[in-house]
Amino acid sequence: MTTQTWNRFWGSTFVKAPLRNGVGRYVQQLQRITFKFCKTHGCSQGMREYIEKELIEFARVNPGVVVYLKPRRHRSPCLKAEYLNGGEEYISCHRMTNEDIVKWVEYLRTRSGYPVERLRKYQHTDHPSIQGAWTPWIHRDPLVNIAEYPIEELSAAFKTEKTATDEVLELFEKQKLSGI
C-alpha cells in the first residue's frame, strides 16, 4: 500500500497526549469496558474463563474503570471499550482463549481512545523555534565533515582552563628548576 493511499483513507497525525495527560498527573483514559458473551455457546468459552478467573483482579487494580457484564443468548462474544474523549472500540472475541482476552483487555486499558493513525514525526511541539532545531554539530567547524579520521586533535578532550593537576605539575617543575 502506498503512502498516498494510506493518507487518503486513514490519515496521519502528530504525536499527541489527550489533554496533556501525564503533565500534572496521569488520568486513565479507559472509562468503561463491557464484556458481551453467551452463557452456553462454545465460542464464548474463553470469555467465560476470563470472567471467572481474571475479571475480579482487573476491576480491583483499575478502580476508575466501570466494568459491565452483558450476557446475550446465542451471540458471539465481544469487548466494547469507551474512552473519556468519546471514542469507542469493539473487538470480536469469537473463539478466543483466556490469554488472548487478557492481552486485548490490556491493550484497551492502555489506549488513549484516539484512532490509530500513522505518525508524521515522532516528536512534536506546539511552539516551534524560529531558529530551527538544535543539533550537537550546529556550532562546529564545517571542516570536521571532510576530515580523515582518526584525528588526535579532535579526539582529545577540550581544555577550557588550567586544572589543579596542571598547576601542581607546573609548581613541581619550577621547584625542580630552581633546585630547592
Foldseek 3Di string as FASTA:
>chain_A
DDPVVQCVPFNEEADDAVVPAPPVHHDFFWQEKEKEEAPDDPQCPQVVVCVVPPPVVVCVVCVRYHYHYHYDHPDFIWMWIATPVGAIDIDTSGNPHVVVVVVVVVVSRRDNRDDDHHYPDHDDDPDDDPVDDDDPCPPPDPVVVVDDDDDPVVPDDDDDDDDPVNVVVVVVVVCVVVVD
